[in-house]
Protein backbone atom coordinates (compact mmCIF):
# COMPACT_ATOMS: atom_id res chain seq x y z
CA MET A 1 99.32 38.02 -69.72
CA ALA A 2 102.09 35.76 -68.55
CA ILE A 3 104.72 34.35 -70.87
CA PRO A 4 104.93 30.52 -70.61
CA GLU A 5 107.51 29.55 -67.99
CA ASP A 6 109.38 27.24 -70.34
CA VAL A 7 109.79 30.10 -72.84
CA LEU A 8 111.29 32.38 -70.20
CA ARG A 9 113.48 29.55 -68.95
CA HIS A 10 114.69 28.87 -72.49
CA TYR A 11 115.75 32.47 -73.11
CA GLU A 12 117.05 33.13 -69.62
CA GLY A 13 119.54 30.37 -70.38
CA GLY A 14 121.28 32.85 -72.67
CA VAL A 15 120.71 30.99 -75.93
CA GLU A 16 120.10 34.15 -77.96
CA ALA A 17 123.42 35.81 -77.19
CA GLY A 18 125.54 35.31 -80.29
CA ARG A 19 122.98 33.08 -82.05
CA LEU A 20 122.97 35.36 -85.08
CA GLU A 21 126.77 35.36 -85.29
CA GLY A 22 127.31 31.84 -86.56
CA GLY A 23 125.87 28.99 -88.64
CA PRO A 24 122.36 29.50 -90.04
CA GLY A 25 121.92 32.48 -87.73
CA LEU A 26 124.19 34.45 -90.06
CA VAL A 27 121.76 33.94 -92.94
CA GLU A 28 118.76 34.83 -90.77
CA ARG A 29 120.50 37.99 -89.54
CA ASP A 30 121.66 39.30 -92.90
CA ARG A 31 118.48 38.47 -94.76
CA ALA A 32 116.28 39.99 -92.04
CA ARG A 33 118.31 43.19 -92.26
CA GLU A 34 117.90 43.28 -96.03
CA VAL A 35 114.14 43.15 -95.65
CA VAL A 36 114.18 45.76 -92.88
CA LEU A 37 116.11 48.26 -95.00
CA ARG A 38 113.70 47.80 -97.91
CA HIS A 39 110.80 49.09 -95.90
CA ILE A 40 111.69 51.33 -92.96
CA PRO A 41 112.16 55.08 -93.49
CA ALA A 42 115.62 56.60 -93.51
CA PRO A 43 117.18 57.61 -90.19
CA PRO A 44 116.52 59.27 -87.81
CA ALA A 45 113.22 57.33 -87.95
CA VAL A 46 111.94 55.74 -84.73
CA VAL A 47 111.88 51.92 -84.59
CA LEU A 48 110.24 49.83 -81.88
CA ASP A 49 112.03 46.48 -81.72
CA VAL A 50 109.50 44.29 -79.93
CA GLY A 51 111.00 40.99 -78.83
CA GLY A 52 114.38 42.43 -79.75
CA GLY A 53 116.29 40.01 -77.55
CA PRO A 54 119.88 40.95 -76.69
CA GLY A 55 119.70 43.85 -79.15
CA ALA A 56 121.55 42.58 -82.22
CA HIS A 57 119.26 44.30 -84.73
CA ALA A 58 118.81 47.33 -82.47
CA VAL A 59 122.54 48.03 -82.25
CA TRP A 60 122.87 47.63 -86.01
CA LEU A 61 120.10 50.19 -86.55
CA VAL A 62 121.43 52.63 -83.96
CA GLU A 63 124.80 52.49 -85.68
CA ARG A 64 122.98 53.66 -88.81
CA GLY A 65 121.46 56.64 -87.04
CA TYR A 66 118.05 55.29 -86.04
CA GLU A 67 116.27 55.82 -82.73
CA VAL A 68 115.51 52.29 -81.54
CA HIS A 69 113.62 51.12 -78.48
CA VAL A 70 113.83 47.43 -77.58
CA VAL A 71 110.92 45.86 -75.72
CA ASP A 72 111.39 42.29 -74.51
CA ALA A 73 109.66 39.96 -72.05
CA THR A 74 112.91 38.40 -70.82
CA PRO A 75 114.84 40.27 -68.11
CA LEU A 76 118.17 38.85 -69.30
CA HIS A 77 117.54 40.14 -72.81
CA VAL A 78 116.72 43.62 -71.54
CA GLU A 79 119.95 43.67 -69.52
CA GLN A 80 121.97 42.42 -72.49
CA ALA A 81 120.36 44.91 -74.88
CA ARG A 82 121.02 47.83 -72.54
CA THR A 83 124.67 46.84 -72.29
CA ALA A 84 124.97 46.43 -76.06
CA LEU A 85 123.28 49.76 -76.75
CA ALA A 86 125.24 51.70 -74.13
CA ASN A 87 128.12 52.46 -76.46
CA ALA A 88 126.25 52.35 -79.77
CA GLY A 89 125.75 55.46 -81.88
CA PRO A 90 125.20 57.82 -83.58
CA GLY A 91 121.52 57.02 -83.09
CA VAL A 92 119.69 56.55 -79.81
CA GLY A 93 118.78 53.25 -78.16
CA SER A 94 116.94 51.98 -75.10
CA ALA A 95 115.64 48.67 -73.75
CA THR A 96 112.71 47.99 -71.42
CA LEU A 97 110.82 45.00 -70.10
CA GLY A 98 107.42 44.62 -71.73
CA ASP A 99 104.82 42.53 -73.51
CA ALA A 100 104.02 42.68 -77.23
CA ARG A 101 100.32 42.49 -76.39
CA ALA A 102 100.35 45.62 -74.20
CA LEU A 103 102.96 48.09 -75.41
CA GLU A 104 103.69 51.21 -73.39
CA ALA A 105 104.55 53.30 -76.45
CA ALA A 106 102.11 56.10 -77.26
CA ARG A 107 99.62 55.91 -80.10
CA GLU A 108 101.10 56.81 -83.51
CA SER A 109 104.55 57.44 -82.05
CA VAL A 110 106.88 55.22 -84.12
CA ASP A 111 107.77 54.81 -87.79
CA ALA A 112 108.37 51.06 -87.81
CA VAL A 113 107.76 48.05 -85.57
CA LEU A 114 109.86 44.90 -85.69
CA LEU A 115 108.16 41.78 -84.34
CA PHE A 116 111.04 39.36 -84.76
CA GLY A 117 110.05 36.91 -82.05
CA PRO A 118 106.78 37.64 -80.24
CA LEU A 119 104.51 35.83 -82.69
CA TYR A 120 106.55 32.65 -82.19
CA HIS A 121 105.40 32.26 -78.62
CA LEU A 122 101.74 33.28 -78.83
CA THR A 123 100.00 30.00 -79.56
CA GLU A 124 96.49 31.49 -79.65
CA ARG A 125 95.52 33.33 -82.83
CA GLY A 126 93.69 35.99 -80.85
CA GLU A 127 96.83 36.77 -78.88
CA ARG A 128 98.89 37.11 -82.06
CA LEU A 129 96.28 39.49 -83.48
CA ARG A 130 96.41 41.42 -80.22
CA ALA A 131 100.17 41.87 -80.60
CA LEU A 132 99.75 42.94 -84.21
CA GLY A 133 96.98 45.32 -83.15
CA GLU A 134 99.32 46.91 -80.63
CA ALA A 135 101.93 47.34 -83.35
CA ARG A 136 99.32 49.06 -85.50
CA ARG A 137 98.25 51.32 -82.64
CA VAL A 138 101.74 52.69 -82.01
CA LEU A 139 102.62 53.14 -85.68
CA LYS A 140 102.29 56.49 -87.37
CA PRO A 141 100.09 56.59 -90.49
CA GLY A 142 102.13 55.02 -93.27
CA GLY A 143 104.31 53.16 -90.78
CA VAL A 144 105.35 49.56 -91.33
CA VAL A 145 105.38 46.38 -89.29
CA LEU A 146 107.78 43.53 -90.04
CA ALA A 147 106.52 40.37 -88.36
CA ALA A 148 108.46 37.12 -88.31
CA GLY A 149 107.03 33.65 -88.00
CA ILE A 150 108.60 30.21 -87.79
CA SER A 151 107.62 27.91 -90.64
CA ARG A 152 105.12 25.15 -89.91
CA PHE A 153 107.62 22.70 -91.38
CA ALA A 154 110.72 23.87 -89.49
CA SER A 155 110.88 21.07 -86.92
CA ALA A 156 110.34 18.35 -89.53
CA LEU A 157 113.09 19.74 -91.76
CA ASP A 158 115.45 20.40 -88.86
CA GLY A 159 114.75 16.93 -87.49
CA MET A 160 115.77 15.33 -90.75
CA ALA A 161 118.84 17.54 -91.20
CA ARG A 162 120.20 16.93 -87.69
CA ASN A 163 118.92 13.38 -87.13
CA LEU A 164 116.66 14.53 -84.31
CA ILE A 165 113.99 12.25 -85.73
CA ASP A 166 115.95 9.30 -84.32
CA ASP A 167 114.26 10.24 -81.04
CA PRO A 168 110.61 9.04 -80.89
CA GLU A 169 109.86 11.93 -78.52
CA PHE A 170 110.92 14.42 -81.17
CA LEU A 171 108.79 12.68 -83.78
CA THR A 172 105.79 13.15 -81.50
CA ILE A 173 106.60 16.85 -81.28
CA VAL A 174 106.88 17.10 -85.07
CA ASP A 175 103.51 15.39 -85.46
CA GLY A 176 101.88 18.04 -83.29
CA ASP A 177 103.62 20.85 -85.16
CA LEU A 178 102.41 19.60 -88.52
CA ARG A 179 98.91 18.92 -87.25
CA ASN A 180 98.06 22.23 -85.59
CA GLY A 181 101.19 24.41 -85.47
CA VAL A 182 101.52 24.30 -81.67
CA HIS A 183 105.05 23.28 -80.77
CA THR A 184 105.72 21.86 -77.32
CA ASN A 185 108.75 20.42 -75.54
CA PRO A 186 107.33 18.39 -72.63
CA LYS A 187 110.71 17.11 -71.41
CA SER A 188 112.50 20.46 -71.85
CA VAL A 189 115.19 19.03 -74.13
CA PRO A 190 117.44 22.04 -74.93
CA ASP A 191 117.64 21.31 -78.66
CA TYR A 192 113.86 21.04 -79.01
CA PHE A 193 113.06 24.75 -78.42
CA ALA A 194 110.15 25.91 -76.21
CA THR A 195 106.39 26.39 -76.47
CA ALA A 196 105.79 28.10 -79.80
CA TYR A 197 103.50 28.52 -82.77
CA PHE A 198 104.67 27.57 -86.26
CA HIS A 199 102.90 29.38 -89.11
CA ARG A 200 101.87 28.29 -92.54
CA PRO A 201 102.98 31.09 -94.89
CA ASP A 202 99.47 32.06 -95.99
CA GLU A 203 98.35 32.05 -92.36
CA LEU A 204 100.94 34.64 -91.35
CA GLU A 205 99.94 36.83 -94.28
CA ALA A 206 96.26 36.50 -93.34
CA GLU A 207 96.95 37.58 -89.75
CA ILE A 208 98.75 40.71 -90.96
CA SER A 209 95.75 41.56 -93.12
CA GLU A 210 93.20 40.85 -90.39
CA ALA A 211 95.10 43.14 -88.02
CA GLY A 212 94.39 46.01 -90.42
CA PHE A 213 97.60 46.24 -92.42
CA ASP A 214 98.04 46.35 -96.17
CA THR A 215 100.44 43.51 -96.95
CA LEU A 216 103.54 44.67 -98.80
CA GLU A 217 105.31 41.34 -99.07
CA LEU A 218 105.77 37.91 -97.54
CA VAL A 219 109.25 36.43 -97.85
CA GLY A 220 111.18 33.37 -96.79
CA LEU A 221 114.48 34.42 -95.22
CA GLU A 222 116.81 31.45 -95.46
CA GLY A 223 115.34 29.21 -98.15
CA PRO A 224 116.97 25.79 -97.75
CA THR A 225 120.37 27.21 -96.75
CA TRP A 226 119.77 26.77 -93.00
CA LEU A 227 119.75 23.00 -93.54
CA LEU A 228 123.27 22.93 -94.97
CA PRO A 229 125.71 21.63 -92.33
CA ASP A 230 128.48 23.97 -93.52
CA ILE A 231 126.39 27.08 -94.08
CA GLY A 232 128.43 29.11 -91.59
CA GLU A 233 131.64 28.43 -93.50
CA ARG A 234 129.98 29.21 -96.82
CA TRP A 235 128.48 32.44 -95.54
CA ILE A 236 131.72 33.95 -94.30
CA ASN A 237 133.26 33.36 -97.74
CA GLU A 238 132.51 36.61 -99.56
CA ARG A 239 132.14 35.06 -103.01
CA ARG A 240 129.92 32.23 -101.86
CA ARG A 241 127.79 34.55 -99.72
CA ALA A 242 127.18 36.83 -102.70
CA THR A 243 126.07 33.88 -104.82
CA LEU A 244 123.78 32.53 -102.10
CA LEU A 245 122.27 35.95 -101.44
CA ALA A 246 121.49 36.44 -105.12
CA LEU A 247 119.70 33.08 -105.24
CA LEU A 248 117.80 33.70 -102.02
CA ARG A 249 116.54 37.02 -103.35
CA ARG A 250 115.25 35.28 -106.47
CA LEU A 251 113.51 32.56 -104.44
CA GLU A 252 112.24 34.58 -101.47
CA ARG A 253 108.66 35.09 -102.77
CA GLU A 254 108.19 31.73 -104.49
CA LYS A 255 105.01 30.42 -102.85
CA ASP A 256 106.00 26.81 -103.45
CA LEU A 257 109.21 27.33 -101.44
CA LEU A 258 108.22 29.73 -98.66
CA GLY A 259 107.71 27.00 -96.07
CA VAL A 260 111.22 25.63 -96.61
CA SER A 261 112.66 28.68 -94.85
CA ALA A 262 112.97 28.42 -91.10
CA HIS A 263 111.71 32.00 -90.79
CA LEU A 264 109.08 33.94 -92.69
CA VAL A 265 108.68 37.71 -92.60
CA ALA A 266 105.42 39.46 -93.45
CA VAL A 267 105.55 43.21 -94.04
CA GLY A 268 102.48 45.37 -93.60
CA ARG A 269 101.75 49.09 -93.90
CA LYS A 270 99.31 51.08 -91.78
CA THR A 271 97.21 52.93 -94.33
CA ARG A 272 93.83 53.21 -92.61
């Protein structure tokens, strides 16, 4: 079950380190954490952070007393997460190399599973359902999965916001994304991401349901804020951030606006 080489190459370049510490990444980070805290049990619950990257969310949870185990397919991410978790506390953290479709965790051994990444890079529906099925297997009864997807419309919106559509090659990529959700980057242009799958909102919700979860909510994380060129500056201003957060919370479940967010999060509970 190999990960596409261009995906590994993309992440081994170190692009994730610090991504959530500036610009639209700040909105993604803070909004994802809001949704996480709505649904996971209180510490010292056990969280499996699958596709946890360099460990940004894992460290944050360990600092709140959780036991968090990062699983990632990228060796660099595992190394970075281990380093980041080494001095984190009071909870417990670890990081291992692994695949979302074949988790090593025991059956019914964790309270929550974060899938903030794996579904992006599984272009076949069956493979995404396999990853969700593995999340369900390792969850205790009543446990929750939080699964992120990239919006079907992300490349089109990003292309307009950053003038990437001036490049005919990028327009071809956007056409494929809108047509079937499969994102490719044939020339490996750094700004154009890597092989991925971009979900329609209702499609992500349907996959959660088909995997055997009861859907608790489907939310858009960033709304249109990620398209604002000065969003980083706005977000670090406490007053402006509070205003933006209040609006995002009001808009997060509006079906007509879900696809405007770069990232969607579906939350499911294991009840059967």
